[in-house]
Amino acid sequence: MDDEDQTEADLAEAGVVEAAVAALDGLEDRPVGEHLAAYEQAHRELRAALEV
């Protein structure tokens, strides 16, 4: 992988991370019963980003 490909991959991963974290925005306004599922989804997305 050359530097340009690596930069594109880094940007793609950063987008995934930003999206996973953004999905937790406003969580305090959602029912507590939904919190675990939201955190688990964010965790899955972040782990997937690390595996790339």
Protein backbone atom coordinates (compact mmCIF):
# COMPACT_ATOMS: atom_id res chain seq x y z
CA MET A 1 0.00 0.00 0.00
CA ASP A 2 1.47 3.37 -0.97
CA ASP A 3 1.19 6.60 1.02
CA GLU A 4 -1.83 7.86 -0.92
CA ASP A 5 -3.74 4.61 -0.33
CA GLN A 6 -2.80 4.71 3.36
CA THR A 7 -4.05 8.29 3.68
CA GLU A 8 -7.38 7.35 2.08
CA ALA A 9 -7.70 4.37 4.43
CA ASP A 10 -6.92 6.59 7.43
CA LEU A 11 -9.57 9.09 6.34
CA ALA A 12 -12.12 6.33 5.86
CA GLU A 13 -11.38 4.94 9.32
CA ALA A 14 -11.64 8.43 10.81
CA GLY A 15 -15.08 8.78 9.22
CA VAL A 16 -16.19 5.49 10.75
CA VAL A 17 -14.95 6.58 14.17
CA GLU A 18 -16.64 9.96 13.90
CA ALA A 19 -19.91 8.33 12.83
CA ALA A 20 -19.78 5.81 15.69
CA VAL A 21 -19.20 8.54 18.25
CA ALA A 22 -21.80 10.84 16.66
CA ALA A 23 -24.39 8.07 17.00
CA LEU A 24 -24.04 8.51 20.77
CA ASP A 25 -24.93 12.21 20.59
CA GLY A 26 -28.17 12.90 22.39
CA LEU A 27 -28.04 9.58 24.20
CA GLU A 28 -28.88 11.34 27.45
CA ASP A 29 -32.27 12.24 25.95
CA ARG A 30 -33.10 8.65 25.00
CA PRO A 31 -34.59 6.07 27.37
CA VAL A 32 -32.00 4.34 29.53
CA GLY A 33 -33.16 1.02 28.11
CA GLU A 34 -31.72 2.06 24.72
CA HIS A 35 -28.28 3.02 26.05
CA LEU A 36 -26.74 -0.44 26.10
CA ALA A 37 -27.69 -1.17 22.50
CA ALA A 38 -26.29 2.19 21.39
CA TYR A 39 -22.98 1.60 23.19
CA GLU A 40 -22.73 -1.95 21.86
CA GLN A 41 -23.30 -0.73 18.29
CA ALA A 42 -20.65 1.97 18.66
CA HIS A 43 -18.27 -0.60 20.13
CA ARG A 44 -18.81 -2.96 17.17
CA GLU A 45 -18.17 -0.17 14.70
CA LEU A 46 -15.02 0.98 16.48
CA ARG A 47 -13.64 -2.56 16.71
CA ALA A 48 -14.34 -3.08 13.01
CA ALA A 49 -12.42 0.11 12.23
CA LEU A 50 -9.43 -1.22 14.16
CA GLU A 51 -9.47 -4.52 12.28
CA VAL A 52 -9.00 -2.86 8.90
